[in-house]
ModelCIF file with pLDDT and N, C-alpha, C, O atoms, coordinates in Angstrom:
data_MODEL
#
_entry.id   MODEL 
#
_entity.id                         1 
_entity.type                       polymer 
_entity.pdbx_number_of_molecules   1 
#
_entity_poly.entity_id                      1 
_entity_poly.type                           'polypeptide(L)' 
_entity_poly.nstd_linkage                   no 
_entity_poly.nstd_monomer                   no 
_entity_poly.pdbx_seq_one_letter_code       ELTLETRQAAASTRAYFTFFLAAGALYLIVTLCSGVVFARIEKWARRG 
_entity_poly.pdbx_seq_one_letter_code_can   ELTLETRQAAASTRAYFTFFLAAGALYLIVTLCSGVVFARIEKWARRG 
_entity_poly.pdbx_strand_id                 A 
#
loop_
_entity_poly_seq.entity_id 
_entity_poly_seq.num 
_entity_poly_seq.mon_id 
_entity_poly_seq.hetero 
1 1  GLU n 
1 2  LEU n 
1 3  THR n 
1 4  LEU n 
1 5  GLU n 
1 6  THR n 
1 7  ARG n 
1 8  GLN n 
1 9  ALA n 
1 10 ALA n 
1 11 ALA n 
1 12 SER n 
1 13 THR n 
1 14 ARG n 
1 15 ALA n 
1 16 TYR n 
1 17 PHE n 
1 18 THR n 
1 19 PHE n 
1 20 PHE n 
1 21 LEU n 
1 22 ALA n 
1 23 ALA n 
1 24 GLY n 
1 25 ALA n 
1 26 LEU n 
1 27 TYR n 
1 28 LEU n 
1 29 ILE n 
1 30 VAL n 
1 31 THR n 
1 32 LEU n 
1 33 CYS n 
1 34 SER n 
1 35 GLY n 
1 36 VAL n 
1 37 VAL n 
1 38 PHE n 
1 39 ALA n 
1 40 ARG n 
1 41 ILE n 
1 42 GLU n 
1 43 LYS n 
1 44 TRP n 
1 45 ALA n 
1 46 ARG n 
1 47 ARG n 
1 48 GLY n 
#
_struct_asym.id          A 
_struct_asym.entity_id   1 
#
loop_
_ma_qa_metric.id 
_ma_qa_metric.mode 
_ma_qa_metric.name 
_ma_qa_metric.software_group_id 
_ma_qa_metric.type 
1 global pLDDT . pLDDT 
2 local  pLDDT . pLDDT 
#
_ma_qa_metric_global.metric_id      1 
_ma_qa_metric_global.metric_value   88.69 
_ma_qa_metric_global.model_id       1 
_ma_qa_metric_global.ordinal_id     1 
#
loop_
_ma_qa_metric_local.label_asym_id 
_ma_qa_metric_local.label_comp_id 
_ma_qa_metric_local.label_seq_id 
_ma_qa_metric_local.metric_id 
_ma_qa_metric_local.metric_value 
_ma_qa_metric_local.model_id 
_ma_qa_metric_local.ordinal_id 
A GLU 1  2 84.00 1 1  
A LEU 2  2 88.00 1 2  
A THR 3  2 88.00 1 3  
A LEU 4  2 87.00 1 4  
A GLU 5  2 88.00 1 5  
A THR 6  2 88.00 1 6  
A ARG 7  2 89.00 1 7  
A GLN 8  2 88.00 1 8  
A ALA 9  2 88.00 1 9  
A ALA 10 2 87.00 1 10 
A ALA 11 2 88.00 1 11 
A SER 12 2 87.00 1 12 
A THR 13 2 84.00 1 13 
A ARG 14 2 85.00 1 14 
A ALA 15 2 84.00 1 15 
A TYR 16 2 85.00 1 16 
A PHE 17 2 86.00 1 17 
A THR 18 2 86.00 1 18 
A PHE 19 2 88.00 1 19 
A PHE 20 2 90.00 1 20 
A LEU 21 2 90.00 1 21 
A ALA 22 2 91.00 1 22 
A ALA 23 2 91.00 1 23 
A GLY 24 2 92.00 1 24 
A ALA 25 2 93.00 1 25 
A LEU 26 2 93.00 1 26 
A TYR 27 2 93.00 1 27 
A LEU 28 2 94.00 1 28 
A ILE 29 2 94.00 1 29 
A VAL 30 2 94.00 1 30 
A THR 31 2 94.00 1 31 
A LEU 32 2 95.00 1 32 
A CYS 33 2 95.00 1 33 
A SER 34 2 94.00 1 34 
A GLY 35 2 93.00 1 35 
A VAL 36 2 94.00 1 36 
A VAL 37 2 94.00 1 37 
A PHE 38 2 93.00 1 38 
A ALA 39 2 92.00 1 39 
A ARG 40 2 92.00 1 40 
A ILE 41 2 90.00 1 41 
A GLU 42 2 87.00 1 42 
A LYS 43 2 88.00 1 43 
A TRP 44 2 86.00 1 44 
A ALA 45 2 83.00 1 45 
A ARG 46 2 81.00 1 46 
A ARG 47 2 77.00 1 47 
A GLY 48 2 66.00 1 48 
#
loop_
_atom_site.group_PDB 
_atom_site.id 
_atom_site.type_symbol 
_atom_site.label_atom_id 
_atom_site.label_alt_id 
_atom_site.label_comp_id 
_atom_site.label_asym_id 
_atom_site.label_entity_id 
_atom_site.label_seq_id 
_atom_site.pdbx_PDB_ins_code 
_atom_site.Cartn_x 
_atom_site.Cartn_y 
_atom_site.Cartn_z 
_atom_site.occupancy 
_atom_site.B_iso_or_equiv 
_atom_site.pdbx_formal_charge 
_atom_site.auth_seq_id 
_atom_site.auth_comp_id 
_atom_site.auth_asym_id 
_atom_site.auth_atom_id 
_atom_site.pdbx_PDB_model_num 
ATOM 1   N N  . GLU A 1 1  ? 102.580 96.794  116.926 1.00 84.00 ? 1  GLU A N  1 
ATOM 2   C CA . GLU A 1 1  ? 103.639 97.725  116.543 1.00 84.00 ? 1  GLU A CA 1 
ATOM 3   C C  . GLU A 1 1  ? 103.697 97.808  115.022 1.00 84.00 ? 1  GLU A C  1 
ATOM 4   O O  . GLU A 1 1  ? 102.826 97.268  114.340 1.00 84.00 ? 1  GLU A O  1 
ATOM 5   N N  . LEU A 1 2  ? 104.699 98.466  114.493 1.00 88.00 ? 2  LEU A N  1 
ATOM 6   C CA . LEU A 1 2  ? 104.721 98.780  113.069 1.00 88.00 ? 2  LEU A CA 1 
ATOM 7   C C  . LEU A 1 2  ? 104.715 97.534  112.191 1.00 88.00 ? 2  LEU A C  1 
ATOM 8   O O  . LEU A 1 2  ? 104.003 97.491  111.187 1.00 88.00 ? 2  LEU A O  1 
ATOM 9   N N  . THR A 1 3  ? 105.491 96.530  112.550 1.00 88.00 ? 3  THR A N  1 
ATOM 10  C CA . THR A 1 3  ? 105.570 95.335  111.709 1.00 88.00 ? 3  THR A CA 1 
ATOM 11  C C  . THR A 1 3  ? 104.240 94.600  111.657 1.00 88.00 ? 3  THR A C  1 
ATOM 12  O O  . THR A 1 3  ? 103.821 94.159  110.587 1.00 88.00 ? 3  THR A O  1 
ATOM 13  N N  . LEU A 1 4  ? 103.570 94.461  112.796 1.00 87.00 ? 4  LEU A N  1 
ATOM 14  C CA . LEU A 1 4  ? 102.280 93.769  112.810 1.00 87.00 ? 4  LEU A CA 1 
ATOM 15  C C  . LEU A 1 4  ? 101.234 94.547  112.021 1.00 87.00 ? 4  LEU A C  1 
ATOM 16  O O  . LEU A 1 4  ? 100.456 93.957  111.272 1.00 87.00 ? 4  LEU A O  1 
ATOM 17  N N  . GLU A 1 5  ? 101.212 95.869  112.186 1.00 88.00 ? 5  GLU A N  1 
ATOM 18  C CA . GLU A 1 5  ? 100.266 96.684  111.419 1.00 88.00 ? 5  GLU A CA 1 
ATOM 19  C C  . GLU A 1 5  ? 100.547 96.562  109.929 1.00 88.00 ? 5  GLU A C  1 
ATOM 20  O O  . GLU A 1 5  ? 99.619  96.526  109.121 1.00 88.00 ? 5  GLU A O  1 
ATOM 21  N N  . THR A 1 6  ? 101.821 96.499  109.562 1.00 88.00 ? 6  THR A N  1 
ATOM 22  C CA . THR A 1 6  ? 102.189 96.357  108.150 1.00 88.00 ? 6  THR A CA 1 
ATOM 23  C C  . THR A 1 6  ? 101.731 95.015  107.602 1.00 88.00 ? 6  THR A C  1 
ATOM 24  O O  . THR A 1 6  ? 101.193 94.941  106.497 1.00 88.00 ? 6  THR A O  1 
ATOM 25  N N  . ARG A 1 7  ? 101.945 93.962  108.369 1.00 89.00 ? 7  ARG A N  1 
ATOM 26  C CA . ARG A 1 7  ? 101.509 92.630  107.929 1.00 89.00 ? 7  ARG A CA 1 
ATOM 27  C C  . ARG A 1 7  ? 99.994  92.572  107.749 1.00 89.00 ? 7  ARG A C  1 
ATOM 28  O O  . ARG A 1 7  ? 99.503  91.993  106.780 1.00 89.00 ? 7  ARG A O  1 
ATOM 29  N N  . GLN A 1 8  ? 99.263  93.165  108.674 1.00 88.00 ? 8  GLN A N  1 
ATOM 30  C CA . GLN A 1 8  ? 97.807  93.146  108.569 1.00 88.00 ? 8  GLN A CA 1 
ATOM 31  C C  . GLN A 1 8  ? 97.327  93.935  107.356 1.00 88.00 ? 8  GLN A C  1 
ATOM 32  O O  . GLN A 1 8  ? 96.410  93.506  106.655 1.00 88.00 ? 8  GLN A O  1 
ATOM 33  N N  . ALA A 1 9  ? 97.947  95.088  107.109 1.00 88.00 ? 9  ALA A N  1 
ATOM 34  C CA . ALA A 1 9  ? 97.563  95.895  105.951 1.00 88.00 ? 9  ALA A CA 1 
ATOM 35  C C  . ALA A 1 9  ? 97.891  95.159  104.649 1.00 88.00 ? 9  ALA A C  1 
ATOM 36  O O  . ALA A 1 9  ? 97.086  95.147  103.718 1.00 88.00 ? 9  ALA A O  1 
ATOM 37  N N  . ALA A 1 10 ? 99.067  94.552  104.591 1.00 87.00 ? 10 ALA A N  1 
ATOM 38  C CA . ALA A 1 10 ? 99.476  93.837  103.382 1.00 87.00 ? 10 ALA A CA 1 
ATOM 39  C C  . ALA A 1 10 ? 98.595  92.624  103.130 1.00 87.00 ? 10 ALA A C  1 
ATOM 40  O O  . ALA A 1 10 ? 98.231  92.338  101.989 1.00 87.00 ? 10 ALA A O  1 
ATOM 41  N N  . ALA A 1 11 ? 98.254  91.909  104.205 1.00 88.00 ? 11 ALA A N  1 
ATOM 42  C CA . ALA A 1 11 ? 97.410  90.722  104.046 1.00 88.00 ? 11 ALA A CA 1 
ATOM 43  C C  . ALA A 1 11 ? 95.999  91.100  103.596 1.00 88.00 ? 11 ALA A C  1 
ATOM 44  O O  . ALA A 1 11 ? 95.366  90.341  102.863 1.00 88.00 ? 11 ALA A O  1 
ATOM 45  N N  . SER A 1 12 ? 95.498  92.255  104.020 1.00 87.00 ? 12 SER A N  1 
ATOM 46  C CA . SER A 1 12 ? 94.140  92.668  103.663 1.00 87.00 ? 12 SER A CA 1 
ATOM 47  C C  . SER A 1 12 ? 94.052  93.175  102.230 1.00 87.00 ? 12 SER A C  1 
ATOM 48  O O  . SER A 1 12 ? 93.020  93.021  101.576 1.00 87.00 ? 12 SER A O  1 
ATOM 49  N N  . THR A 1 13 ? 95.128  93.777  101.741 1.00 84.00 ? 13 THR A N  1 
ATOM 50  C CA . THR A 1 13 ? 95.091  94.395  100.416 1.00 84.00 ? 13 THR A CA 1 
ATOM 51  C C  . THR A 1 13 ? 95.901  93.635  99.378  1.00 84.00 ? 13 THR A C  1 
ATOM 52  O O  . THR A 1 13 ? 95.784  93.905  98.182  1.00 84.00 ? 13 THR A O  1 
ATOM 53  N N  . ARG A 1 14 ? 96.726  92.682  99.822  1.00 85.00 ? 14 ARG A N  1 
ATOM 54  C CA . ARG A 1 14 ? 97.629  91.938  98.933  1.00 85.00 ? 14 ARG A CA 1 
ATOM 55  C C  . ARG A 1 14 ? 98.703  92.842  98.317  1.00 85.00 ? 14 ARG A C  1 
ATOM 56  O O  . ARG A 1 14 ? 99.375  92.444  97.365  1.00 85.00 ? 14 ARG A O  1 
ATOM 57  N N  . ALA A 1 15 ? 98.864  94.032  98.846  1.00 84.00 ? 15 ALA A N  1 
ATOM 58  C CA . ALA A 1 15 ? 99.899  94.947  98.344  1.00 84.00 ? 15 ALA A CA 1 
ATOM 59  C C  . ALA A 1 15 ? 101.125 94.842  99.240  1.00 84.00 ? 15 ALA A C  1 
ATOM 60  O O  . ALA A 1 15 ? 101.481 95.796  99.932  1.00 84.00 ? 15 ALA A O  1 
ATOM 61  N N  . TYR A 1 16 ? 101.767 93.685  99.224  1.00 85.00 ? 16 TYR A N  1 
ATOM 62  C CA . TYR A 1 16 ? 102.874 93.422  100.129 1.00 85.00 ? 16 TYR A CA 1 
ATOM 63  C C  . TYR A 1 16 ? 104.050 94.367  99.867  1.00 85.00 ? 16 TYR A C  1 
ATOM 64  O O  . TYR A 1 16 ? 104.631 94.917  100.803 1.00 85.00 ? 16 TYR A O  1 
ATOM 65  N N  . PHE A 1 17 ? 104.391 94.548  98.603  1.00 86.00 ? 17 PHE A N  1 
ATOM 66  C CA . PHE A 1 17 ? 105.541 95.390  98.276  1.00 86.00 ? 17 PHE A CA 1 
ATOM 67  C C  . PHE A 1 17 ? 105.332 96.815  98.769  1.00 86.00 ? 17 PHE A C  1 
ATOM 68  O O  . PHE A 1 17 ? 106.238 97.411  99.351  1.00 86.00 ? 17 PHE A O  1 
ATOM 69  N N  . THR A 1 18 ? 104.146 97.361  98.541  1.00 86.00 ? 18 THR A N  1 
ATOM 70  C CA . THR A 1 18 ? 103.855 98.743  98.926  1.00 86.00 ? 18 THR A CA 1 
ATOM 71  C C  . THR A 1 18 ? 103.997 98.958  100.421 1.00 86.00 ? 18 THR A C  1 
ATOM 72  O O  . THR A 1 18 ? 104.639 99.914  100.856 1.00 86.00 ? 18 THR A O  1 
ATOM 73  N N  . PHE A 1 19 ? 103.407 98.082  101.201 1.00 88.00 ? 19 PHE A N  1 
ATOM 74  C CA . PHE A 1 19 ? 103.379 98.308  102.650 1.00 88.00 ? 19 PHE A CA 1 
ATOM 75  C C  . PHE A 1 19 ? 104.719 97.991  103.317 1.00 88.00 ? 19 PHE A C  1 
ATOM 76  O O  . PHE A 1 19 ? 105.134 98.704  104.230 1.00 88.00 ? 19 PHE A O  1 
ATOM 77  N N  . PHE A 1 20 ? 105.395 96.939  102.877 1.00 90.00 ? 20 PHE A N  1 
ATOM 78  C CA . PHE A 1 20 ? 106.683 96.643  103.501 1.00 90.00 ? 20 PHE A CA 1 
ATOM 79  C C  . PHE A 1 20 ? 107.746 97.645  103.073 1.00 90.00 ? 20 PHE A C  1 
ATOM 80  O O  . PHE A 1 20 ? 108.672 97.925  103.833 1.00 90.00 ? 20 PHE A O  1 
ATOM 81  N N  . LEU A 1 21 ? 107.623 98.190  101.856 1.00 90.00 ? 21 LEU A N  1 
ATOM 82  C CA . LEU A 1 21 ? 108.522 99.272  101.455 1.00 90.00 ? 21 LEU A CA 1 
ATOM 83  C C  . LEU A 1 21 ? 108.265 100.516 102.295 1.00 90.00 ? 21 LEU A C  1 
ATOM 84  O O  . LEU A 1 21 ? 109.202 101.206 102.694 1.00 90.00 ? 21 LEU A O  1 
ATOM 85  N N  . ALA A 1 22 ? 106.988 100.800 102.564 1.00 91.00 ? 22 ALA A N  1 
ATOM 86  C CA . ALA A 1 22 ? 106.646 101.951 103.407 1.00 91.00 ? 22 ALA A CA 1 
ATOM 87  C C  . ALA A 1 22 ? 107.166 101.756 104.825 1.00 91.00 ? 22 ALA A C  1 
ATOM 88  O O  . ALA A 1 22 ? 107.685 102.696 105.426 1.00 91.00 ? 22 ALA A O  1 
ATOM 89  N N  . ALA A 1 23 ? 107.035 100.543 105.368 1.00 91.00 ? 23 ALA A N  1 
ATOM 90  C CA . ALA A 1 23 ? 107.547 100.269 106.715 1.00 91.00 ? 23 ALA A CA 1 
ATOM 91  C C  . ALA A 1 23 ? 109.062 100.427 106.765 1.00 91.00 ? 23 ALA A C  1 
ATOM 92  O O  . ALA A 1 23 ? 109.605 100.988 107.717 1.00 91.00 ? 23 ALA A O  1 
ATOM 93  N N  . GLY A 1 24 ? 109.742 99.928  105.731 1.00 92.00 ? 24 GLY A N  1 
ATOM 94  C CA . GLY A 1 24 ? 111.189 100.094 105.681 1.00 92.00 ? 24 GLY A CA 1 
ATOM 95  C C  . GLY A 1 24 ? 111.594 101.554 105.631 1.00 92.00 ? 24 GLY A C  1 
ATOM 96  O O  . GLY A 1 24 ? 112.580 101.950 106.252 1.00 92.00 ? 24 GLY A O  1 
ATOM 97  N N  . ALA A 1 25 ? 110.830 102.366 104.884 1.00 93.00 ? 25 ALA A N  1 
ATOM 98  C CA . ALA A 1 25 ? 111.118 103.801 104.807 1.00 93.00 ? 25 ALA A CA 1 
ATOM 99  C C  . ALA A 1 25 ? 110.935 104.468 106.168 1.00 93.00 ? 25 ALA A C  1 
ATOM 100 O O  . ALA A 1 25 ? 111.716 105.344 106.538 1.00 93.00 ? 25 ALA A O  1 
ATOM 101 N N  . LEU A 1 26 ? 109.905 104.059 106.920 1.00 93.00 ? 26 LEU A N  1 
ATOM 102 C CA . LEU A 1 26 ? 109.681 104.631 108.255 1.00 93.00 ? 26 LEU A CA 1 
ATOM 103 C C  . LEU A 1 26 ? 110.821 104.274 109.200 1.00 93.00 ? 26 LEU A C  1 
ATOM 104 O O  . LEU A 1 26 ? 111.295 105.127 109.951 1.00 93.00 ? 26 LEU A O  1 
ATOM 105 N N  . TYR A 1 27 ? 111.267 103.017 109.169 1.00 93.00 ? 27 TYR A N  1 
ATOM 106 C CA . TYR A 1 27 ? 112.412 102.619 109.996 1.00 93.00 ? 27 TYR A CA 1 
ATOM 107 C C  . TYR A 1 27 ? 113.663 103.408 109.597 1.00 93.00 ? 27 TYR A C  1 
ATOM 108 O O  . TYR A 1 27 ? 114.446 103.810 110.458 1.00 93.00 ? 27 TYR A O  1 
ATOM 109 N N  . LEU A 1 28 ? 113.847 103.628 108.301 1.00 94.00 ? 28 LEU A N  1 
ATOM 110 C CA . LEU A 1 28 ? 115.014 104.386 107.837 1.00 94.00 ? 28 LEU A CA 1 
ATOM 111 C C  . LEU A 1 28 ? 114.963 105.826 108.330 1.00 94.00 ? 28 LEU A C  1 
ATOM 112 O O  . LEU A 1 28 ? 115.985 106.379 108.734 1.00 94.00 ? 28 LEU A O  1 
ATOM 113 N N  . ILE A 1 29 ? 113.777 106.438 108.300 1.00 94.00 ? 29 ILE A N  1 
ATOM 114 C CA . ILE A 1 29 ? 113.631 107.806 108.800 1.00 94.00 ? 29 ILE A CA 1 
ATOM 115 C C  . ILE A 1 29 ? 113.983 107.876 110.284 1.00 94.00 ? 29 ILE A C  1 
ATOM 116 O O  . ILE A 1 29 ? 114.663 108.802 110.725 1.00 94.00 ? 29 ILE A O  1 
ATOM 117 N N  . VAL A 1 30 ? 113.515 106.889 111.051 1.00 94.00 ? 30 VAL A N  1 
ATOM 118 C CA . VAL A 1 30 ? 113.844 106.850 112.484 1.00 94.00 ? 30 VAL A CA 1 
ATOM 119 C C  . VAL A 1 30 ? 115.348 106.730 112.682 1.00 94.00 ? 30 VAL A C  1 
ATOM 120 O O  . VAL A 1 30 ? 115.918 107.387 113.553 1.00 94.00 ? 30 VAL A O  1 
ATOM 121 N N  . THR A 1 31 ? 115.993 105.887 111.871 1.00 94.00 ? 31 THR A N  1 
ATOM 122 C CA . THR A 1 31 ? 117.432 105.698 111.994 1.00 94.00 ? 31 THR A CA 1 
ATOM 123 C C  . THR A 1 31 ? 118.196 106.978 111.672 1.00 94.00 ? 31 THR A C  1 
ATOM 124 O O  . THR A 1 31 ? 119.131 107.340 112.387 1.00 94.00 ? 31 THR A O  1 
ATOM 125 N N  . LEU A 1 32 ? 117.804 107.664 110.600 1.00 95.00 ? 32 LEU A N  1 
ATOM 126 C CA . LEU A 1 32 ? 118.490 108.892 110.209 1.00 95.00 ? 32 LEU A CA 1 
ATOM 127 C C  . LEU A 1 32 ? 118.312 109.986 111.267 1.00 95.00 ? 32 LEU A C  1 
ATOM 128 O O  . LEU A 1 32 ? 119.269 110.677 111.617 1.00 95.00 ? 32 LEU A O  1 
ATOM 129 N N  . CYS A 1 33 ? 117.098 110.138 111.768 1.00 95.00 ? 33 CYS A N  1 
ATOM 130 C CA . CYS A 1 33 ? 116.854 111.135 112.826 1.00 95.00 ? 33 CYS A CA 1 
ATOM 131 C C  . CYS A 1 33 ? 117.629 110.789 114.095 1.00 95.00 ? 33 CYS A C  1 
ATOM 132 O O  . CYS A 1 33 ? 118.168 111.675 114.758 1.00 95.00 ? 33 CYS A O  1 
ATOM 133 N N  . SER A 1 34 ? 117.683 109.504 114.430 1.00 94.00 ? 34 SER A N  1 
ATOM 134 C CA . SER A 1 34 ? 118.424 109.067 115.613 1.00 94.00 ? 34 SER A CA 1 
ATOM 135 C C  . SER A 1 34 ? 119.908 109.354 115.458 1.00 94.00 ? 34 SER A C  1 
ATOM 136 O O  . SER A 1 34 ? 120.578 109.743 116.415 1.00 94.00 ? 34 SER A O  1 
ATOM 137 N N  . GLY A 1 35 ? 120.424 109.156 114.232 1.00 93.00 ? 35 GLY A N  1 
ATOM 138 C CA . GLY A 1 35 ? 121.836 109.434 113.994 1.00 93.00 ? 35 GLY A CA 1 
ATOM 139 C C  . GLY A 1 35 ? 122.171 110.892 114.237 1.00 93.00 ? 35 GLY A C  1 
ATOM 140 O O  . GLY A 1 35 ? 123.217 111.207 114.806 1.00 93.00 ? 35 GLY A O  1 
ATOM 141 N N  . VAL A 1 36 ? 121.277 111.797 113.804 1.00 94.00 ? 36 VAL A N  1 
ATOM 142 C CA . VAL A 1 36 ? 121.501 113.228 114.024 1.00 94.00 ? 36 VAL A CA 1 
ATOM 143 C C  . VAL A 1 36 ? 121.488 113.550 115.518 1.00 94.00 ? 36 VAL A C  1 
ATOM 144 O O  . VAL A 1 36 ? 122.340 114.297 116.001 1.00 94.00 ? 36 VAL A O  1 
ATOM 145 N N  . VAL A 1 37 ? 120.528 112.990 116.246 1.00 94.00 ? 37 VAL A N  1 
ATOM 146 C CA . VAL A 1 37 ? 120.411 113.265 117.682 1.00 94.00 ? 37 VAL A CA 1 
ATOM 147 C C  . VAL A 1 37 ? 121.636 112.762 118.433 1.00 94.00 ? 37 VAL A C  1 
ATOM 148 O O  . VAL A 1 37 ? 122.201 113.492 119.248 1.00 94.00 ? 37 VAL A O  1 
ATOM 149 N N  . PHE A 1 38 ? 122.054 111.531 118.173 1.00 93.00 ? 38 PHE A N  1 
ATOM 150 C CA . PHE A 1 38 ? 123.191 110.975 118.901 1.00 93.00 ? 38 PHE A CA 1 
ATOM 151 C C  . PHE A 1 38 ? 124.499 111.647 118.494 1.00 93.00 ? 38 PHE A C  1 
ATOM 152 O O  . PHE A 1 38 ? 125.424 111.720 119.303 1.00 93.00 ? 38 PHE A O  1 
ATOM 153 N N  . ALA A 1 39 ? 124.597 112.134 117.270 1.00 92.00 ? 39 ALA A N  1 
ATOM 154 C CA . ALA A 1 39 ? 125.790 112.884 116.868 1.00 92.00 ? 39 ALA A CA 1 
ATOM 155 C C  . ALA A 1 39 ? 125.914 114.161 117.698 1.00 92.00 ? 39 ALA A C  1 
ATOM 156 O O  . ALA A 1 39 ? 127.012 114.547 118.097 1.00 92.00 ? 39 ALA A O  1 
ATOM 157 N N  . ARG A 1 40 ? 124.783 114.806 117.950 1.00 92.00 ? 40 ARG A N  1 
ATOM 158 C CA . ARG A 1 40 ? 124.807 116.016 118.777 1.00 92.00 ? 40 ARG A CA 1 
ATOM 159 C C  . ARG A 1 40 ? 125.120 115.683 120.237 1.00 92.00 ? 40 ARG A C  1 
ATOM 160 O O  . ARG A 1 40 ? 125.837 116.418 120.915 1.00 92.00 ? 40 ARG A O  1 
ATOM 161 N N  . ILE A 1 41 ? 124.572 114.568 120.702 1.00 90.00 ? 41 ILE A N  1 
ATOM 162 C CA . ILE A 1 41 ? 124.868 114.153 122.076 1.00 90.00 ? 41 ILE A CA 1 
ATOM 163 C C  . ILE A 1 41 ? 126.357 113.858 122.231 1.00 90.00 ? 41 ILE A C  1 
ATOM 164 O O  . ILE A 1 41 ? 126.977 114.251 123.219 1.00 90.00 ? 41 ILE A O  1 
ATOM 165 N N  . GLU A 1 42 ? 126.924 113.163 121.248 1.00 87.00 ? 42 GLU A N  1 
ATOM 166 C CA . GLU A 1 42 ? 128.354 112.840 121.318 1.00 87.00 ? 42 GLU A CA 1 
ATOM 167 C C  . GLU A 1 42 ? 129.203 114.103 121.255 1.00 87.00 ? 42 GLU A C  1 
ATOM 168 O O  . GLU A 1 42 ? 130.207 114.215 121.959 1.00 87.00 ? 42 GLU A O  1 
ATOM 169 N N  . LYS A 1 43 ? 128.801 115.056 120.411 1.00 88.00 ? 43 LYS A N  1 
ATOM 170 C CA . LYS A 1 43 ? 129.531 116.320 120.341 1.00 88.00 ? 43 LYS A CA 1 
ATOM 171 C C  . LYS A 1 43 ? 129.486 117.052 121.669 1.00 88.00 ? 43 LYS A C  1 
ATOM 172 O O  . LYS A 1 43 ? 130.483 117.617 122.117 1.00 88.00 ? 43 LYS A O  1 
ATOM 173 N N  . TRP A 1 44 ? 128.287 117.034 122.307 1.00 86.00 ? 44 TRP A N  1 
ATOM 174 C CA . TRP A 1 44 ? 128.157 117.656 123.637 1.00 86.00 ? 44 TRP A CA 1 
ATOM 175 C C  . TRP A 1 44 ? 129.015 116.931 124.664 1.00 86.00 ? 44 TRP A C  1 
ATOM 176 O O  . TRP A 1 44 ? 129.657 117.570 125.497 1.00 86.00 ? 44 TRP A O  1 
ATOM 177 N N  . ALA A 1 45 ? 129.032 115.593 124.611 1.00 83.00 ? 45 ALA A N  1 
ATOM 178 C CA . ALA A 1 45 ? 129.787 114.821 125.595 1.00 83.00 ? 45 ALA A CA 1 
ATOM 179 C C  . ALA A 1 45 ? 131.290 115.024 125.443 1.00 83.00 ? 45 ALA A C  1 
ATOM 180 O O  . ALA A 1 45 ? 132.036 114.898 126.414 1.00 83.00 ? 45 ALA A O  1 
ATOM 181 N N  . ARG A 1 46 ? 131.742 115.342 124.217 1.00 81.00 ? 46 ARG A N  1 
ATOM 182 C CA . ARG A 1 46 ? 133.169 115.522 123.971 1.00 81.00 ? 46 ARG A CA 1 
ATOM 183 C C  . ARG A 1 46 ? 133.626 116.972 124.102 1.00 81.00 ? 46 ARG A C  1 
ATOM 184 O O  . ARG A 1 46 ? 134.774 117.291 123.791 1.00 81.00 ? 46 ARG A O  1 
ATOM 185 N N  . ARG A 1 47 ? 132.736 117.850 124.560 1.00 77.00 ? 47 ARG A N  1 
ATOM 186 C CA . ARG A 1 47 ? 133.127 119.252 124.686 1.00 77.00 ? 47 ARG A CA 1 
ATOM 187 C C  . ARG A 1 47 ? 134.306 119.370 125.657 1.00 77.00 ? 47 ARG A C  1 
ATOM 188 O O  . ARG A 1 47 ? 134.326 118.732 126.710 1.00 77.00 ? 47 ARG A O  1 
ATOM 189 N N  . GLY A 1 48 ? 135.276 120.189 125.287 1.00 66.00 ? 48 GLY A N  1 
ATOM 190 C CA . GLY A 1 48 ? 136.450 120.363 126.126 1.00 66.00 ? 48 GLY A CA 1 
ATOM 191 C C  . GLY A 1 48 ? 137.531 119.340 125.908 1.00 66.00 ? 48 GLY A C  1 
ATOM 192 O O  . GLY A 1 48 ? 138.571 119.392 126.565 1.00 66.00 ? 48 GLY A O  1 
#
């Protein structure tokens, strides 16, 4: 999964900061997109 791939990339290149920052950014993007989706679901569930 993402964390293992990040660890392998960082260990191979020694660019730990670059890859773990990139992984954190990907998790953040997933969180932000999920927030938008669930906000719409909640709005739909509260209709009426």
